[in-house]
Amino acid sequence: MKKSYLLFALVVAVIAAFAFLMVRPDRLKQKVASDVEKVNARFSPSESIDLSMAMKMITHEPPQMLNPPSEIPALLVYPPSAEDLAKLSGE
């Protein structure tokens, strides 16, 4: 009686292991297919701005300043010339 239970348990374990090995690749294939689909979705030119720019499907205008800075006054150059020294000293 005890032997038959052990034999039954062994047969069930072997069948379960075999079934697990047969089902596992399907899950793995599904996971790989899902990952490949995710990666391919990232690189579709219609959704990826980087690929669209690289393939020259879209372009952009050069940037423009809406509020350009005022004219910068001339800076003092070192060493100052004789004219600049005269202006600075008030002569």
PDB file of N, CA and C in Angstrom:
ATOM      1  N   MET A   1       0.823  -1.192   0.000  1.00  0.00           N
ATOM      2  CA  MET A   1       0.000   0.000   0.000  1.00  0.00           C
ATOM      3  C   MET A   1       0.871   1.261   0.000  1.00  0.00           C
ATOM      4  N   LYS A   2       1.858   1.279   0.889  1.00  0.00           N
ATOM      5  CA  LYS A   2       2.751   2.429   0.973  1.00  0.00           C
ATOM      6  C   LYS A   2       3.577   2.559  -0.305  1.00  0.00           C
ATOM      7  N   LYS A   3       3.964   1.426  -0.860  1.00  0.00           N
ATOM      8  CA  LYS A   3       4.749   1.428  -2.090  1.00  0.00           C
ATOM      9  C   LYS A   3       3.940   2.001  -3.255  1.00  0.00           C
ATOM     10  N   SER A   4       2.673   1.677  -3.300  1.00  0.00           N
ATOM     11  CA  SER A   4       1.846   2.163  -4.409  1.00  0.00           C
ATOM     12  C   SER A   4       1.678   3.689  -4.331  1.00  0.00           C
ATOM     13  N   TYR A   5       1.579   4.246  -3.107  1.00  0.00           N
ATOM     14  CA  TYR A   5       1.497   5.699  -2.964  1.00  0.00           C
ATOM     15  C   TYR A   5       2.791   6.378  -3.407  1.00  0.00           C
ATOM     16  N   LEU A   6       3.916   5.790  -3.035  1.00  0.00           N
ATOM     17  CA  LEU A   6       5.204   6.342  -3.455  1.00  0.00           C
ATOM     18  C   LEU A   6       5.350   6.291  -4.968  1.00  0.00           C
ATOM     19  N   LEU A   7       4.950   5.165  -5.551  1.00  0.00           N
ATOM     20  CA  LEU A   7       5.024   5.026  -7.003  1.00  0.00           C
ATOM     21  C   LEU A   7       4.084   6.029  -7.682  1.00  0.00           C
ATOM     22  N   PHE A   8       2.886   6.183  -7.131  1.00  0.00           N
ATOM     23  CA  PHE A   8       1.929   7.147  -7.679  1.00  0.00           C
ATOM     24  C   PHE A   8       2.480   8.574  -7.578  1.00  0.00           C
ATOM     25  N   ALA A   9       3.061   8.910  -6.439  1.00  0.00           N
ATOM     26  CA  ALA A   9       3.634  10.245  -6.250  1.00  0.00           C
ATOM     27  C   ALA A   9       4.783  10.482  -7.220  1.00  0.00           C
ATOM     28  N   LEU A  10       5.601   9.467  -7.436  1.00  0.00           N
ATOM     29  CA  LEU A  10       6.715   9.586  -8.377  1.00  0.00           C
ATOM     30  C   LEU A  10       6.203   9.809  -9.797  1.00  0.00           C
ATOM     31  N   VAL A  11       5.183   9.057 -10.196  1.00  0.00           N
ATOM     32  CA  VAL A  11       4.611   9.205 -11.542  1.00  0.00           C
ATOM     33  C   VAL A  11       3.994  10.602 -11.699  1.00  0.00           C
ATOM     34  N   VAL A  12       3.281  11.067 -10.684  1.00  0.00           N
ATOM     35  CA  VAL A  12       2.678  12.401 -10.749  1.00  0.00           C
ATOM     36  C   VAL A  12       3.765  13.469 -10.827  1.00  0.00           C
ATOM     37  N   ALA A  13       4.847  13.301 -10.066  1.00  0.00           N
ATOM     38  CA  ALA A  13       5.943  14.271 -10.100  1.00  0.00           C
ATOM     39  C   ALA A  13       6.595  14.303 -11.475  1.00  0.00           C
ATOM     40  N   VAL A  14       6.800  13.137 -12.079  1.00  0.00           N
ATOM     41  CA  VAL A  14       7.411  13.088 -13.413  1.00  0.00           C
ATOM     42  C   VAL A  14       6.484  13.737 -14.438  1.00  0.00           C
ATOM     43  N   ILE A  15       5.198  13.460 -14.353  1.00  0.00           N
ATOM     44  CA  ILE A  15       4.243  14.061 -15.292  1.00  0.00           C
ATOM     45  C   ILE A  15       4.182  15.576 -15.090  1.00  0.00           C
ATOM     46  N   ALA A  16       4.188  16.010 -13.837  1.00  0.00           N
ATOM     47  CA  ALA A  16       4.150  17.448 -13.561  1.00  0.00           C
ATOM     48  C   ALA A  16       5.408  18.135 -14.075  1.00  0.00           C
ATOM     49  N   ALA A  17       6.563  17.513 -13.874  1.00  0.00           N
ATOM     50  CA  ALA A  17       7.812  18.099 -14.366  1.00  0.00           C
ATOM     51  C   ALA A  17       7.805  18.167 -15.891  1.00  0.00           C
ATOM     52  N   PHE A  18       7.334  17.104 -16.539  1.00  0.00           N
ATOM     53  CA  PHE A  18       7.270  17.092 -17.995  1.00  0.00           C
ATOM     54  C   PHE A  18       6.305  18.163 -18.499  1.00  0.00           C
ATOM     55  N   ALA A  19       5.150  18.285 -17.843  1.00  0.00           N
ATOM     56  CA  ALA A  19       4.173  19.304 -18.248  1.00  0.00           C
ATOM     57  C   ALA A  19       4.746  20.700 -18.039  1.00  0.00           C
ATOM     58  N   PHE A  20       5.469  20.894 -16.941  1.00  0.00           N
ATOM     59  CA  PHE A  20       6.081  22.200 -16.683  1.00  0.00           C
ATOM     60  C   PHE A  20       7.098  22.545 -17.763  1.00  0.00           C
ATOM     61  N   LEU A  21       7.891  21.555 -18.148  1.00  0.00           N
ATOM     62  CA  LEU A  21       8.890  21.804 -19.190  1.00  0.00           C
ATOM     63  C   LEU A  21       8.243  22.060 -20.546  1.00  0.00           C
ATOM     64  N   MET A  22       7.104  21.453 -20.798  1.00  0.00           N
ATOM     65  CA  MET A  22       6.434  21.661 -22.080  1.00  0.00           C
ATOM     66  C   MET A  22       5.708  23.010 -22.123  1.00  0.00           C
ATOM     67  N   VAL A  23       5.201  23.469 -20.996  1.00  0.00           N
ATOM     68  CA  VAL A  23       4.449  24.721 -20.968  1.00  0.00           C
ATOM     69  C   VAL A  23       5.386  25.913 -20.856  1.00  0.00           C
ATOM     70  N   ARG A  24       6.498  25.747 -20.205  1.00  0.00           N
ATOM     71  CA  ARG A  24       7.422  26.849 -19.945  1.00  0.00           C
ATOM     72  C   ARG A  24       7.914  27.557 -21.212  1.00  0.00           C
ATOM     73  N   PRO A  25       8.323  26.842 -22.261  1.00  0.00           N
ATOM     74  CA  PRO A  25       8.785  27.569 -23.461  1.00  0.00           C
ATOM     75  C   PRO A  25       7.710  28.468 -24.075  1.00  0.00           C
ATOM     76  N   ASP A  26       6.446  28.083 -23.970  1.00  0.00           N
ATOM     77  CA  ASP A  26       5.390  28.939 -24.512  1.00  0.00           C
ATOM     78  C   ASP A  26       5.355  30.269 -23.770  1.00  0.00           C
ATOM     79  N   ARG A  27       5.465  30.214 -22.454  1.00  0.00           N
ATOM     80  CA  ARG A  27       5.495  31.453 -21.682  1.00  0.00           C
ATOM     81  C   ARG A  27       6.726  32.272 -22.040  1.00  0.00           C
ATOM     82  N   LEU A  28       7.843  31.578 -22.199  1.00  0.00           N
ATOM     83  CA  LEU A  28       9.076  32.273 -22.553  1.00  0.00           C
ATOM     84  C   LEU A  28       8.948  32.926 -23.930  1.00  0.00           C
ATOM     85  N   LYS A  29       8.363  32.211 -24.875  1.00  0.00           N
ATOM     86  CA  LYS A  29       8.162  32.782 -26.210  1.00  0.00           C
ATOM     87  C   LYS A  29       7.245  33.997 -26.148  1.00  0.00           C
ATOM     88  N   GLN A  30       6.199  33.908 -25.330  1.00  0.00           N
ATOM     89  CA  GLN A  30       5.290  35.044 -25.189  1.00  0.00           C
ATOM     90  C   GLN A  30       6.005  36.241 -24.577  1.00  0.00           C
ATOM     91  N   LYS A  31       6.838  35.988 -23.584  1.00  0.00           N
ATOM     92  CA  LYS A  31       7.578  37.072 -22.931  1.00  0.00           C
ATOM     93  C   LYS A  31       8.552  37.719 -23.919  1.00  0.00           C
ATOM     94  N   VAL A  32       9.261  36.892 -24.679  1.00  0.00           N
ATOM     95  CA  VAL A  32      10.205  37.424 -25.662  1.00  0.00           C
ATOM     96  C   VAL A  32       9.460  38.222 -26.731  1.00  0.00           C
ATOM     97  N   ALA A  33       8.351  37.691 -27.207  1.00  0.00           N
ATOM     98  CA  ALA A  33       7.570  38.403 -28.224  1.00  0.00           C
ATOM     99  C   ALA A  33       7.049  39.729 -27.676  1.00  0.00           C
ATOM    100  N   SER A  34       6.624  39.719 -26.429  1.00  0.00           N
ATOM    101  CA  SER A  34       6.143  40.953 -25.805  1.00  0.00           C
ATOM    102  C   SER A  34       7.265  41.979 -25.689  1.00  0.00           C
ATOM    103  N   ASP A  35       8.446  41.530 -25.279  1.00  0.00           N
ATOM    104  CA  ASP A  35       9.582  42.447 -25.154  1.00  0.00           C
ATOM    105  C   ASP A  35      10.004  43.000 -26.510  1.00  0.00           C
ATOM    106  N   VAL A  36      10.021  42.152 -27.519  1.00  0.00           N
ATOM    107  CA  VAL A  36      10.385  42.606 -28.868  1.00  0.00           C
ATOM    108  C   VAL A  36       9.366  43.628 -29.367  1.00  0.00           C
ATOM    109  N   GLU A  37       8.101  43.385 -29.083  1.00  0.00           N
ATOM    110  CA  GLU A  37       7.056  44.325 -29.503  1.00  0.00           C
ATOM    111  C   GLU A  37       7.221  45.675 -28.809  1.00  0.00           C
ATOM    112  N   LYS A  38       7.578  45.649 -27.519  1.00  0.00           N
ATOM    113  CA  LYS A  38       7.802  46.900 -26.795  1.00  0.00           C
ATOM    114  C   LYS A  38       8.971  47.674 -27.395  1.00  0.00           C
ATOM    115  N   VAL A  39      10.046  46.961 -27.710  1.00  0.00           N
ATOM    116  CA  VAL A  39      11.230  47.622 -28.265  1.00  0.00           C
ATOM    117  C   VAL A  39      10.920  48.182 -29.648  1.00  0.00           C
ATOM    118  N   ASN A  40      10.234  47.411 -30.466  1.00  0.00           N
ATOM    119  CA  ASN A  40       9.899  47.889 -31.807  1.00  0.00           C
ATOM    120  C   ASN A  40       8.958  49.085 -31.758  1.00  0.00           C
ATOM    121  N   ALA A  41       8.081  49.127 -30.764  1.00  0.00           N
ATOM    122  CA  ALA A  41       7.167  50.264 -30.642  1.00  0.00           C
ATOM    123  C   ALA A  41       7.936  51.541 -30.325  1.00  0.00           C
ATOM    124  N   ARG A  42       9.043  51.413 -29.613  1.00  0.00           N
ATOM    125  CA  ARG A  42       9.844  52.595 -29.293  1.00  0.00           C
ATOM    126  C   ARG A  42      10.491  53.187 -30.531  1.00  0.00           C
ATOM    127  N   PHE A  43      10.722  52.380 -31.545  1.00  0.00           N
ATOM    128  CA  PHE A  43      11.491  52.834 -32.696  1.00  0.00           C
ATOM    129  C   PHE A  43      10.658  52.974 -33.959  1.00  0.00           C
ATOM    130  N   SER A  44       9.387  53.249 -33.829  1.00  0.00           N
ATOM    131  CA  SER A  44       8.599  53.505 -35.032  1.00  0.00           C
ATOM    132  C   SER A  44       8.737  54.988 -35.384  1.00  0.00           C
ATOM    133  N   PRO A  45       9.049  55.299 -36.633  1.00  0.00           N
ATOM    134  CA  PRO A  45       9.278  56.698 -37.010  1.00  0.00           C
ATOM    135  C   PRO A  45       8.069  57.595 -36.771  1.00  0.00           C
ATOM    136  N   SER A  46       6.883  57.033 -36.807  1.00  0.00           N
ATOM    137  CA  SER A  46       5.703  57.878 -36.603  1.00  0.00           C
ATOM    138  C   SER A  46       5.560  58.318 -35.154  1.00  0.00           C
ATOM    139  N   GLU A  47       6.169  57.580 -34.213  1.00  0.00           N
ATOM    140  CA  GLU A  47       6.033  57.918 -32.796  1.00  0.00           C
ATOM    141  C   GLU A  47       7.331  58.400 -32.170  1.00  0.00           C
ATOM    142  N   SER A  48       8.455  58.205 -32.833  1.00  0.00           N
ATOM    143  CA  SER A  48       9.744  58.571 -32.248  1.00  0.00           C
ATOM    144  C   SER A  48      10.266  59.844 -32.905  1.00  0.00           C
ATOM    145  N   ILE A  49      10.419  60.886 -32.113  1.00  0.00           N
ATOM    146  CA  ILE A  49      10.898  62.163 -32.656  1.00  0.00           C
ATOM    147  C   ILE A  49      12.343  62.033 -33.121  1.00  0.00           C
ATOM    148  N   ASP A  50      13.136  61.215 -32.422  1.00  0.00           N
ATOM    149  CA  ASP A  50      14.536  61.050 -32.806  1.00  0.00           C
ATOM    150  C   ASP A  50      14.663  60.408 -34.184  1.00  0.00           C
ATOM    151  N   LEU A  51      13.900  59.337 -34.406  1.00  0.00           N
ATOM    152  CA  LEU A  51      13.963  58.680 -35.713  1.00  0.00           C
ATOM    153  C   LEU A  51      13.396  59.575 -36.810  1.00  0.00           C
ATOM    154  N   SER A  52      12.337  60.281 -36.501  1.00  0.00           N
ATOM    155  CA  SER A  52      11.755  61.172 -37.505  1.00  0.00           C
ATOM    156  C   SER A  52      12.742  62.251 -37.915  1.00  0.00           C
ATOM    157  N   MET A  53      13.473  62.794 -36.942  1.00  0.00           N
ATOM    158  CA  MET A  53      14.481  63.813 -37.263  1.00  0.00           C
ATOM    159  C   MET A  53      15.626  63.195 -38.064  1.00  0.00           C
ATOM    160  N   ALA A  54      16.055  61.991 -37.676  1.00  0.00           N
ATOM    161  CA  ALA A  54      17.164  61.341 -38.370  1.00  0.00           C
ATOM    162  C   ALA A  54      16.798  61.002 -39.809  1.00  0.00           C
ATOM    163  N   MET A  55      15.551  60.619 -40.028  1.00  0.00           N
ATOM    164  CA  MET A  55      15.113  60.260 -41.376  1.00  0.00           C
ATOM    165  C   MET A  55      14.654  61.487 -42.165  1.00  0.00           C
ATOM    166  N   LYS A  56      14.775  62.681 -41.556  1.00  0.00           N
ATOM    167  CA  LYS A  56      14.393  63.948 -42.179  1.00  0.00           C
ATOM    168  C   LYS A  56      12.927  63.953 -42.616  1.00  0.00           C
ATOM    169  N   MET A  57      12.093  63.275 -41.813  1.00  0.00           N
ATOM    170  CA  MET A  57      10.656  63.298 -42.073  1.00  0.00           C
ATOM    171  C   MET A  57      10.038  64.579 -41.524  1.00  0.00           C
ATOM    172  N   ILE A  58      10.683  65.162 -40.512  1.00  0.00           N
ATOM    173  CA  ILE A  58      10.219  66.433 -39.961  1.00  0.00           C
ATOM    174  C   ILE A  58      11.414  67.365 -39.844  1.00  0.00           C
ATOM    175  N   THR A  59      11.143  68.634 -39.861  1.00  0.00           N
ATOM    176  CA  THR A  59      12.204  69.628 -39.709  1.00  0.00           C
ATOM    177  C   THR A  59      11.745  70.658 -38.683  1.00  0.00           C
ATOM    178  N   HIS A  60      12.631  71.526 -38.306  1.00  0.00           N
ATOM    179  CA  HIS A  60      12.273  72.590 -37.378  1.00  0.00           C
ATOM    180  C   HIS A  60      12.933  73.879 -37.830  1.00  0.00           C
ATOM    181  N   GLU A  61      12.316  74.966 -37.456  1.00  0.00           N
ATOM    182  CA  GLU A  61      12.876  76.275 -37.769  1.00  0.00           C
ATOM    183  C   GLU A  61      13.941  76.600 -36.739  1.00  0.00           C
ATOM    184  N   PRO A  62      14.940  77.379 -37.123  1.00  0.00           N
ATOM    185  CA  PRO A  62      15.957  77.745 -36.133  1.00  0.00           C
ATOM    186  C   PRO A  62      15.331  78.582 -35.022  1.00  0.00           C
ATOM    187  N   PRO A  63      15.844  78.472 -33.821  1.00  0.00           N
ATOM    188  CA  PRO A  63      15.255  79.220 -32.706  1.00  0.00           C
ATOM    189  C   PRO A  63      15.456  80.725 -32.862  1.00  0.00           C
ATOM    190  N   GLN A  64      14.497  81.480 -32.360  1.00  0.00           N
ATOM    191  CA  GLN A  64      14.570  82.943 -32.383  1.00  0.00           C
ATOM    192  C   GLN A  64      14.277  83.450 -30.978  1.00  0.00           C
ATOM    193  N   MET A  65      14.979  84.509 -30.589  1.00  0.00           N
ATOM    194  CA  MET A  65      14.729  85.095 -29.277  1.00  0.00           C
ATOM    195  C   MET A  65      13.506  85.994 -29.357  1.00  0.00           C
ATOM    196  N   LEU A  66      12.586  85.799 -28.437  1.00  0.00           N
ATOM    197  CA  LEU A  66      11.404  86.650 -28.413  1.00  0.00           C
ATOM    198  C   LEU A  66      11.716  88.011 -27.809  1.00  0.00           C
ATOM    199  N   ASN A  67      12.658  88.061 -26.895  1.00  0.00           N
ATOM    200  CA  ASN A  67      13.054  89.315 -26.264  1.00  0.00           C
ATOM    201  C   ASN A  67      14.576  89.422 -26.367  1.00  0.00           C
ATOM    202  N   PRO A  68      15.091  89.903 -27.502  1.00  0.00           N
ATOM    203  CA  PRO A  68      16.545  89.950 -27.664  1.00  0.00           C
ATOM    204  C   PRO A  68      17.174  90.912 -26.662  1.00  0.00           C
ATOM    205  N   PRO A  69      18.386  90.636 -26.224  1.00  0.00           N
ATOM    206  CA  PRO A  69      19.039  91.523 -25.253  1.00  0.00           C
ATOM    207  C   PRO A  69      19.405  92.859 -25.896  1.00  0.00           C
ATOM    208  N   SER A  70      19.514  93.878 -25.036  1.00  0.00           N
ATOM    209  CA  SER A  70      19.897  95.202 -25.548  1.00  0.00           C
ATOM    210  C   SER A  70      21.372  95.178 -25.942  1.00  0.00           C
ATOM    211  N   GLU A  71      21.761  96.192 -26.690  1.00  0.00           N
ATOM    212  CA  GLU A  71      23.145  96.280 -27.167  1.00  0.00           C
ATOM    213  C   GLU A  71      24.094  96.389 -25.974  1.00  0.00           C
ATOM    214  N   ILE A  72      25.140  95.616 -25.988  1.00  0.00           N
ATOM    215  CA  ILE A  72      26.115  95.621 -24.896  1.00  0.00           C
ATOM    216  C   ILE A  72      27.109  96.749 -25.138  1.00  0.00           C
ATOM    217  N   PRO A  73      27.347  97.589 -24.121  1.00  0.00           N
ATOM    218  CA  PRO A  73      28.327  98.675 -24.315  1.00  0.00           C
ATOM    219  C   PRO A  73      29.731  98.099 -24.486  1.00  0.00           C
ATOM    220  N   ALA A  74      30.575  98.866 -25.159  1.00  0.00           N
ATOM    221  CA  ALA A  74      31.947  98.415 -25.394  1.00  0.00           C
ATOM    222  C   ALA A  74      32.673  98.272 -24.062  1.00  0.00           C
ATOM    223  N   LEU A  75      33.418  97.212 -23.921  1.00  0.00           N
ATOM    224  CA  LEU A  75      34.149  96.964 -22.689  1.00  0.00           C
ATOM    225  C   LEU A  75      35.535  97.580 -22.747  1.00  0.00           C
ATOM    226  N   LEU A  76      36.077  97.857 -21.584  1.00  0.00           N
ATOM    227  CA  LEU A  76      37.416  98.420 -21.490  1.00  0.00           C
ATOM    228  C   LEU A  76      38.430  97.321 -21.777  1.00  0.00           C
ATOM    229  N   VAL A  77      39.336  97.588 -22.685  1.00  0.00           N
ATOM    230  CA  VAL A  77      40.359  96.614 -23.043  1.00  0.00           C
ATOM    231  C   VAL A  77      41.614  96.912 -22.236  1.00  0.00           C
ATOM    232  N   TYR A  78      42.230  95.894 -21.706  1.00  0.00           N
ATOM    233  CA  TYR A  78      43.445  96.093 -20.908  1.00  0.00           C
ATOM    234  C   TYR A  78      44.652  95.750 -21.745  1.00  0.00           C
ATOM    235  N   PRO A  79      45.674  96.430 -21.767  1.00  0.00           N
ATOM    236  CA  PRO A  79      45.864  97.764 -21.183  1.00  0.00           C
ATOM    237  C   PRO A  79      45.151  98.796 -22.038  1.00  0.00           C
ATOM    238  N   PRO A  80      44.587  99.825 -21.406  1.00  0.00           N
ATOM    239  CA  PRO A  80      43.845 100.828 -22.168  1.00  0.00           C
ATOM    240  C   PRO A  80      44.780 101.676 -23.036  1.00  0.00           C
ATOM    241  N   SER A  81      44.235 102.112 -24.133  1.00  0.00           N
ATOM    242  CA  SER A  81      45.026 102.973 -25.034  1.00  0.00           C
ATOM    243  C   SER A  81      45.121 104.380 -24.431  1.00  0.00           C
ATOM    244  N   ALA A  82      45.939 105.204 -25.027  1.00  0.00           N
ATOM    245  CA  ALA A  82      46.114 106.584 -24.543  1.00  0.00           C
ATOM    246  C   ALA A  82      44.804 107.354 -24.646  1.00  0.00           C
ATOM    247  N   GLU A  83      44.025 107.105 -25.699  1.00  0.00           N
ATOM    248  CA  GLU A  83      42.731 107.779 -25.865  1.00  0.00           C
ATOM    249  C   GLU A  83      41.772 107.385 -24.748  1.00  0.00           C
ATOM    250  N   ASP A  84      41.743 106.066 -24.442  1.00  0.00           N
ATOM    251  CA  ASP A  84      40.853 105.599 -23.376  1.00  0.00           C
ATOM    252  C   ASP A  84      41.267 106.170 -22.026  1.00  0.00           C
ATOM    253  N   LEU A  85      42.554 106.250 -21.779  1.00  0.00           N
ATOM    254  CA  LEU A  85      43.026 106.830 -20.518  1.00  0.00           C
ATOM    255  C   LEU A  85      42.633 108.297 -20.416  1.00  0.00           C
ATOM    256  N   ALA A  86      42.698 108.991 -21.538  1.00  0.00           N
ATOM    257  CA  ALA A  86      42.324 110.410 -21.538  1.00  0.00           C
ATOM    258  C   ALA A  86      40.834 110.566 -21.260  1.00  0.00           C
ATOM    259  N   LYS A  87      40.011 109.683 -21.847  1.00  0.00           N
ATOM    260  CA  LYS A  87      38.567 109.740 -21.611  1.00  0.00           C
ATOM    261  C   LYS A  87      38.248 109.426 -20.151  1.00  0.00           C
ATOM    262  N   LEU A  88      38.928 108.414 -19.605  1.00  0.00           N
ATOM    263  CA  LEU A  88      38.657 108.004 -18.229  1.00  0.00           C
ATOM    264  C   LEU A  88      39.096 109.060 -17.210  1.00  0.00           C
ATOM    265  N   SER A  89      40.162 109.741 -17.502  1.00  0.00           N
ATOM    266  CA  SER A  89      40.655 110.750 -16.560  1.00  0.00           C
ATOM    267  C   SER A  89      39.937 112.087 -16.723  1.00  0.00           C
ATOM    268  N   GLY A  90      39.084 112.188 -17.726  1.00  0.00           N
ATOM    269  CA  GLY A  90      38.295 113.394 -17.916  1.00  0.00           C
ATOM    270  C   GLY A  90      39.017 114.470 -18.686  1.00  0.00           C
ATOM    271  N   GLU A  91      40.008 114.170 -19.388  1.00  0.00           N
ATOM    272  CA  GLU A  91      40.769 115.168 -20.156  1.00  0.00           C
ATOM    273  C   GLU A  91      40.174 115.387 -21.515  1.00  0.00           C
TER     274      GLU A  91
END
